[in-house]
Every structure is written in structure tokens, then in C-alpha cells.
Protein backbone atom coordinates (compact mmCIF):
# COMPACT_ATOMS: atom_id res chain seq x y z
CA UNK A 1 196.03 97.32 116.87
CA UNK A 2 197.43 93.89 117.45
CA UNK A 3 195.30 90.94 118.40
CA UNK A 4 196.15 90.28 122.01
CA UNK A 5 196.13 86.59 122.92
CA UNK A 6 195.33 85.00 126.28
CA UNK A 7 197.89 83.51 128.61
CA UNK A 8 195.88 80.15 128.50
CA UNK A 9 197.56 77.69 126.19
CA UNK A 10 195.64 75.23 123.98
CA UNK A 11 197.44 72.43 122.08
CA UNK A 12 196.29 73.20 118.50
CA UNK A 13 198.62 71.07 116.52
CA UNK A 14 197.29 68.94 113.74
CA UNK A 15 197.08 65.37 114.44
CA UNK A 16 196.44 62.25 112.27
CA UNK A 17 193.29 60.21 112.53
CA UNK A 18 194.20 56.66 111.82
CA UNK A 19 196.69 56.65 108.98
CA UNK A 20 195.34 59.64 107.33
CA UNK A 21 195.41 63.41 108.45
CA UNK A 22 191.97 64.93 108.09
CA UNK A 23 191.38 68.77 107.80
CA UNK A 24 191.34 70.76 111.04
CA UNK A 25 187.89 72.45 111.34
CA UNK A 26 187.12 75.91 112.87
CA UNK A 27 183.60 76.97 112.99
CA UNK A 28 183.06 80.68 113.26
CA UNK A 29 179.60 81.49 114.79
CA UNK A 30 177.70 84.08 116.68
CA UNK A 31 174.64 84.45 118.64
CA UNK A 32 173.24 87.17 116.36
CA UNK A 33 173.87 88.66 113.03
CA UNK A 34 175.68 91.91 112.38
CA UNK A 35 178.68 91.24 114.51
CA UNK A 36 181.21 90.83 111.65
CA UNK A 37 181.21 87.00 111.69
CA UNK A 38 181.49 86.48 107.80
CA UNK A 39 184.16 89.10 107.64
CA UNK A 40 186.12 87.39 110.32
CA UNK A 41 185.74 83.93 108.82
CA UNK A 42 186.81 85.08 105.31
CA UNK A 43 189.86 87.09 106.48
CA UNK A 44 191.00 84.38 108.70
CA UNK A 45 190.70 81.79 105.87
CA UNK A 46 192.68 84.14 103.49
CA UNK A 47 195.48 84.51 106.18
CA UNK A 48 195.53 80.83 106.69
CA UNK A 49 195.83 80.26 102.75
CA UNK A 50 198.55 82.76 102.58
CA UNK A 51 200.67 80.42 104.62
CA UNK A 52 200.48 77.87 101.83
CA UNK A 53 197.93 75.74 103.67
CA UNK A 54 195.17 74.07 101.56
CA UNK A 55 192.22 75.85 103.14
CA UNK A 56 188.48 75.45 102.38
CA UNK A 57 186.09 78.19 103.34
CA UNK A 58 182.57 76.97 103.61
CA UNK A 59 179.37 79.11 103.74
CA UNK A 60 177.13 77.00 105.95
CA UNK A 61 174.34 79.56 105.76
CA UNK A 62 172.18 77.58 103.22
CA UNK A 63 169.42 80.25 102.91
CA UNK A 64 171.13 83.59 103.45
CA UNK A 65 174.80 83.02 102.43
CA UNK A 66 176.91 86.07 101.39
CA UNK A 67 180.45 84.92 100.94
CA UNK A 68 180.24 85.62 97.13
CA UNK A 69 179.40 89.35 97.85
CA UNK A 70 182.23 89.75 100.29
CA UNK A 71 184.77 88.09 97.86
CA UNK A 72 183.26 89.65 94.77
CA UNK A 73 183.01 86.28 93.07
CA UNK A 74 180.19 85.10 90.60
CA UNK A 75 178.82 81.88 91.96
CA UNK A 76 176.80 80.28 89.39
CA UNK A 77 176.38 77.05 91.49
CA UNK A 78 176.14 77.02 95.30
CA UNK A 79 175.21 74.56 98.00
CA UNK A 80 171.60 74.48 97.06
CA UNK A 81 172.63 72.64 93.97
CA UNK A 82 174.32 69.85 95.81
CA UNK A 83 171.26 69.63 98.10
CA UNK A 84 168.86 69.20 95.34
CA UNK A 85 171.12 66.69 93.70
CA UNK A 86 171.76 68.63 90.45
CA UNK A 87 175.54 69.05 91.07
CA UNK A 88 178.45 67.38 92.87
CA UNK A 89 180.26 69.25 95.54
CA UNK A 90 183.36 69.37 93.17
CA UNK A 91 181.28 71.44 90.67
CA UNK A 92 180.41 74.13 92.96
CA UNK A 93 183.95 74.89 94.45
CA UNK A 94 185.12 78.33 93.56
CA UNK A 95 188.77 79.13 93.51
CA UNK A 96 189.40 82.49 95.26
CA UNK A 97 192.38 84.69 96.25
CA UNK A 98 195.64 83.08 97.36
CA UNK A 99 194.21 79.66 96.31
CA UNK A 100 191.50 79.71 98.77
CA UNK A 101 188.76 77.20 97.92
CA UNK A 102 185.28 78.40 98.54
CA UNK A 103 181.76 76.85 98.70
CA UNK A 104 179.15 79.49 98.59
CA UNK A 105 175.93 79.32 100.45
CA UNK A 106 172.51 79.91 98.88
CA UNK A 107 170.69 83.31 99.12
CA UNK A 108 167.16 84.12 99.44
CA UNK A 109 165.95 80.73 99.36
CA UNK A 110 163.45 80.18 102.17
CA UNK A 111 162.97 76.47 101.47
CA UNK A 112 166.47 75.60 102.23
CA UNK A 113 166.28 77.02 105.86
CA UNK A 114 164.98 73.75 106.97
CA UNK A 115 166.02 70.96 104.69
CA UNK A 116 164.86 67.29 105.04
CA UNK A 117 166.95 64.57 106.60
CA UNK A 118 167.57 62.90 103.25
CA UNK A 119 168.81 66.42 101.91
CA UNK A 120 171.13 66.67 104.86
CA UNK A 121 172.42 63.19 104.20
CA UNK A 122 172.92 63.85 100.66
CA UNK A 123 174.87 67.07 101.38
CA UNK A 124 177.09 65.43 103.94
CA UNK A 125 177.92 62.54 101.77
CA UNK A 126 179.17 64.91 99.13
CA UNK A 127 181.05 67.05 101.48
CA UNK A 128 182.70 64.31 103.46
CA UNK A 129 185.54 63.60 100.91
CA UNK A 130 186.68 67.18 101.11
CA UNK A 131 188.18 66.91 104.59
CA UNK A 132 191.04 64.65 103.21
CA UNK A 133 191.66 67.22 100.49
CA UNK A 134 192.32 70.07 102.86
CA UNK A 135 194.54 71.22 105.70
CA UNK A 136 191.94 73.50 107.33
CA UNK A 137 188.28 74.00 106.82
CA UNK A 138 186.81 77.32 108.01
CA UNK A 139 183.06 77.11 108.61
CA UNK A 140 181.04 80.37 108.41
CA UNK A 141 177.94 79.34 110.08
CA UNK A 142 174.54 81.14 110.07
CA UNK A 143 173.80 83.33 112.98
CA UNK A 144 171.56 82.10 115.79
CA UNK A 145 171.20 78.79 117.48
CA UNK A 146 169.12 76.84 114.90
CA UNK A 147 169.75 72.97 114.82
CA UNK A 148 171.93 73.28 111.61
CA UNK A 149 174.13 76.01 113.24
CA UNK A 150 174.52 74.17 116.39
CA UNK A 151 175.19 70.79 114.56
CA UNK A 152 178.16 72.41 112.63
CA UNK A 153 179.69 73.78 115.67
CA UNK A 154 179.23 70.63 117.67
CA UNK A 155 181.14 68.65 114.94
CA UNK A 156 183.87 71.15 114.59
CA UNK A 157 187.38 70.83 116.45
CA UNK A 158 187.17 74.40 117.66
CA UNK A 159 184.47 76.96 117.85
CA UNK A 160 185.10 80.79 117.66
CA UNK A 161 182.34 82.77 118.91
CA UNK A 162 182.31 86.30 117.67
CA UNK A 163 180.74 89.15 119.74
CA UNK A 164 180.75 92.88 119.87
CA UNK A 165 180.57 95.49 122.72
CA UNK A 166 176.72 95.61 122.29
CA UNK A 167 174.68 94.17 125.01
CA UNK A 168 172.53 92.12 122.78
CA UNK A 169 175.58 90.59 120.87
CA UNK A 170 177.17 89.63 124.26
CA UNK A 171 173.89 88.10 125.57
CA UNK A 172 173.37 86.06 122.21
CA UNK A 173 177.05 85.05 122.27
CA UNK A 174 176.56 83.67 125.75
CA UNK A 175 173.32 82.02 124.68
CA UNK A 176 175.37 80.15 121.88
CA UNK A 177 178.04 79.19 124.45
CA UNK A 178 175.45 77.78 126.82
CA UNK A 179 173.74 75.58 124.03
CA UNK A 180 177.21 74.18 123.15
CA UNK A 181 178.06 73.34 126.75
CA UNK A 182 174.76 71.71 127.39
CA UNK A 183 175.17 69.77 124.25
CA UNK A 184 178.54 68.61 125.66
CA UNK A 185 180.70 70.12 123.05
CA UNK A 186 184.23 68.80 123.99
CA UNK A 187 186.49 71.15 121.98
CA UNK A 188 187.91 74.57 122.95
CA UNK A 189 185.53 77.62 122.61
CA UNK A 190 187.22 80.80 122.15
CA UNK A 191 185.82 84.28 122.01
CA UNK A 192 186.87 87.18 119.74
CA UNK A 193 185.67 90.66 120.43
CA UNK A 194 184.97 92.64 117.24
CA UNK A 195 184.27 96.33 116.76
CA UNK A 196 185.86 97.21 120.18
CA UNK A 197 186.71 100.89 120.88
CA UNK A 198 189.90 99.76 122.73
CA UNK A 199 191.89 96.65 123.57
CA UNK A 200 190.90 97.27 127.19
CA UNK A 201 187.20 97.31 126.42
CA UNK A 202 187.47 94.19 124.31
CA UNK A 203 189.26 92.44 127.14
CA UNK A 204 186.77 93.53 129.69
CA UNK A 205 183.95 92.00 127.60
CA UNK A 206 185.78 88.66 127.18
CA UNK A 207 186.39 88.63 130.93
CA UNK A 208 182.69 89.19 131.75
CA UNK A 209 181.79 86.29 129.43
CA UNK A 210 184.47 84.08 130.80
CA UNK A 211 183.38 84.76 134.38
CA UNK A 212 179.74 84.06 133.81
CA UNK A 213 180.61 80.89 131.81
CA UNK A 214 182.82 79.73 134.49
CA UNK A 215 180.43 80.40 137.30
CA UNK A 216 177.30 79.11 135.60
CA UNK A 217 178.44 76.63 133.05
CA UNK A 218 181.64 75.55 134.63
CA UNK A 219 183.46 75.95 131.25
CA UNK A 220 186.68 77.82 130.37
CA UNK A 221 186.50 80.33 127.47
CA UNK A 222 189.72 81.02 125.64
CA UNK A 223 190.65 84.58 124.74
CA UNK A 224 191.30 84.71 121.11
CA UNK A 225 191.68 88.50 120.86
CA UNK A 226 190.25 91.86 120.06
CA UNK A 227 189.63 93.41 116.77
CA UNK A 228 189.39 97.25 116.94
CA UNK A 229 186.75 99.15 115.03
CA UNK A 230 188.33 100.38 111.85
CA UNK A 231 186.85 102.40 109.03
CA UNK A 232 189.24 100.50 106.54
CA UNK A 233 187.10 97.16 107.11
CA UNK A 234 184.04 99.17 106.35
CA UNK A 235 185.66 100.55 103.08
CA UNK A 236 186.80 97.18 102.17
CA UNK A 237 183.32 95.67 102.40
CA UNK A 238 182.03 98.49 100.40
CA UNK A 239 184.65 97.67 97.61
CA UNK A 240 183.79 93.94 97.87
CA UNK A 241 187.21 93.08 99.17
CA UNK A 242 188.42 91.39 102.38
CA UNK A 243 190.52 93.88 104.29
CA UNK A 244 193.56 91.76 104.36
CA UNK A 245 193.63 92.18 100.50
CA UNK A 246 192.35 95.65 100.23
CA UNK A 247 194.74 97.02 102.95
CA UNK A 248 197.31 94.44 103.47
CA UNK A 249 199.63 96.76 105.42
CA UNK A 250 196.89 98.09 107.89
CA UNK A 251 196.75 97.34 111.54
CA UNK A 252 193.55 95.52 111.14
CA UNK A 253 195.13 93.23 108.61
CA UNK A 254 198.04 92.63 110.98
CA UNK A 255 195.47 91.66 113.69
CA UNK A 256 193.90 89.07 111.34
CA UNK A 257 197.23 87.67 110.62
CA UNK A 258 197.99 87.25 114.43
CA UNK A 259 194.51 85.84 115.00
CA UNK A 260 195.01 83.36 112.11
CA UNK A 261 198.40 82.44 113.40
CA UNK A 262 196.91 81.62 116.85
CA UNK A 263 194.01 79.48 115.43
CA UNK A 264 195.68 77.90 112.47
CA UNK A 265 196.81 74.81 114.20
CA UNK A 266 193.66 73.42 115.30
CA UNK A 267 193.81 69.91 116.84
CA UNK A 268 191.71 67.66 114.71
CA UNK A 269 191.71 64.71 117.04
CA UNK A 270 188.31 64.01 118.64
CA UNK A 271 187.35 61.57 121.33
CA UNK A 272 184.30 60.35 119.39
CA UNK A 273 186.09 59.78 116.18
CA UNK A 274 184.89 60.21 112.63
CA UNK A 275 185.49 62.98 110.19
CA UNK A 276 183.78 66.39 110.63
CA UNK A 277 180.95 65.95 108.13
CA UNK A 278 180.03 62.72 109.60
CA UNK A 279 179.98 64.18 113.06
CA UNK A 280 177.67 66.93 111.66
CA UNK A 281 175.25 64.21 110.44
CA UNK A 282 175.33 62.52 113.71
CA UNK A 283 174.27 65.71 115.55
CA UNK A 284 171.63 66.52 112.77
CA UNK A 285 169.91 63.14 113.07
């Protein structure tokens, strides 16, 4: 079950900004929940960390975050404590497997779903320094097309849109892509099809999305690959372990490693300049 990559080539090599290199930023997003977005972000980040890169995994869902559950870590502090000013971002970073650095989102806090402009500014001020202390930042966004989700995607170097063969997932994935294009996102947008029954099915779904996007949005979508439905992934979730750690020799783990290798060299240069977190704030305000 290898991840099959497209023939299209994207230059994803890290580039310096000014005299300092900043982290490359990959936003993993989806139009709807339940498509495996957090699983994909987590396993990708671990595969990148295994290659001796300094990787930060950020749960950008500030009201329904669940990275701590998937990684089976106890998170006494999370992003909500930075927002309310009680903690610095350095205080909430968790050290995960393979040296992966993790910032957990809050869970079950409705009041964080729509934070104020001053709270956004405080959060981004705290986060901005992290981009010079990492090689790669993987952002696990919330599902949907809320302002905060779209802002994180617009500020990233590369957006990975996750979909499944379900019609609703495909429709919502296209909705996210349409928003990004209309907001003039200037980085590559890739699609990964999760929970497919076969490589052929996954490729067909990607092609349908790509054809519609080319026709109506005049944008090229890159084919990141297909992840086949695998019971070992479900078993790993039940045991609160990422599948690349629970079943490192499985085909699904091999697929994640292939996908990480493809996405691991994201070009961090942007025409508008500035670090990722400054760009987020620009889109939020």
C-alpha cells in the first residue's frame, strides 16, 4: 500500500529568508471532520522527526483539540493558557516520541472558538519565535472553513487537503480549496485521499477534484497520494498510539513515510515575506 505520488514536480526545498532560515510550514486541513486529518498530521510529523529534523506539531484547534489523546500524553497546559496570558508558549510545549515537539489545543472550551483580536495578537506574538527554532512546523487545523482555519492555511507554505471517498468529504474538500483560491493563496495545494479501498479509487477521486478545480478555479492541485483503509490504523487509535509507532513495519506506516518524504522539503520562501505566524495575524486582522 505505498503512497503513489504524482508526476507533477514541486520545488519543495528549504530556502533562507534574509540571513536566517525559518521553519517550513505545512497546514493539514479538511473541509469536514472525521476524515483522519489529525491522524495524518501526527503520523507525518513523526516521520519527519525520525529523519532528525526539528519538528513542531501544533494543534490549531483551540476549542476541540485532541492531539493529546492520539499521542497519549498528559497535557497540563495547552494553547488556551497562552491565549489567556497565564503561560508562555515555552511552558506548554510537550516533548513527544522521536523528539517531536507538540503544542496541544484546548478541548471543550466553547469560549475559545472565537477569540478576540487582542487574544489572537498575544498568541501569535508568543508563537512567532518558534519558527526560528524548528525546521518544520506541521499545523493540524480545525475542520471547516472558519476564519481561524483559513487564516492558518493562507499563511502556510503548503496546504495538504485531506478527503475520503465519501461524497460529503469530497464536496467539503473542494469548498476549502475554493476558499483558499479566492483568498489568493499562492502556495501549492496538495490532496491526499484517505480511507480509500484501492489506489485506483483514490486516484480517481483526486482526478475528479483536480479536474473541477482546473475548470472552475483555474488552479492546479497536486496529488500527494492515497492512504488505503487499514484496520491497523483503527487499532492504533484505540491504543492511543500513532500507527507509525504501533506498527512500524506495516504498509500503512510505509505509506506515511513515503508521504512525509514527499512533503518534507516544503519551500518556505513567500512572495509577501514575513514569518508564518506574522502572516497568520495579517490574515486574521
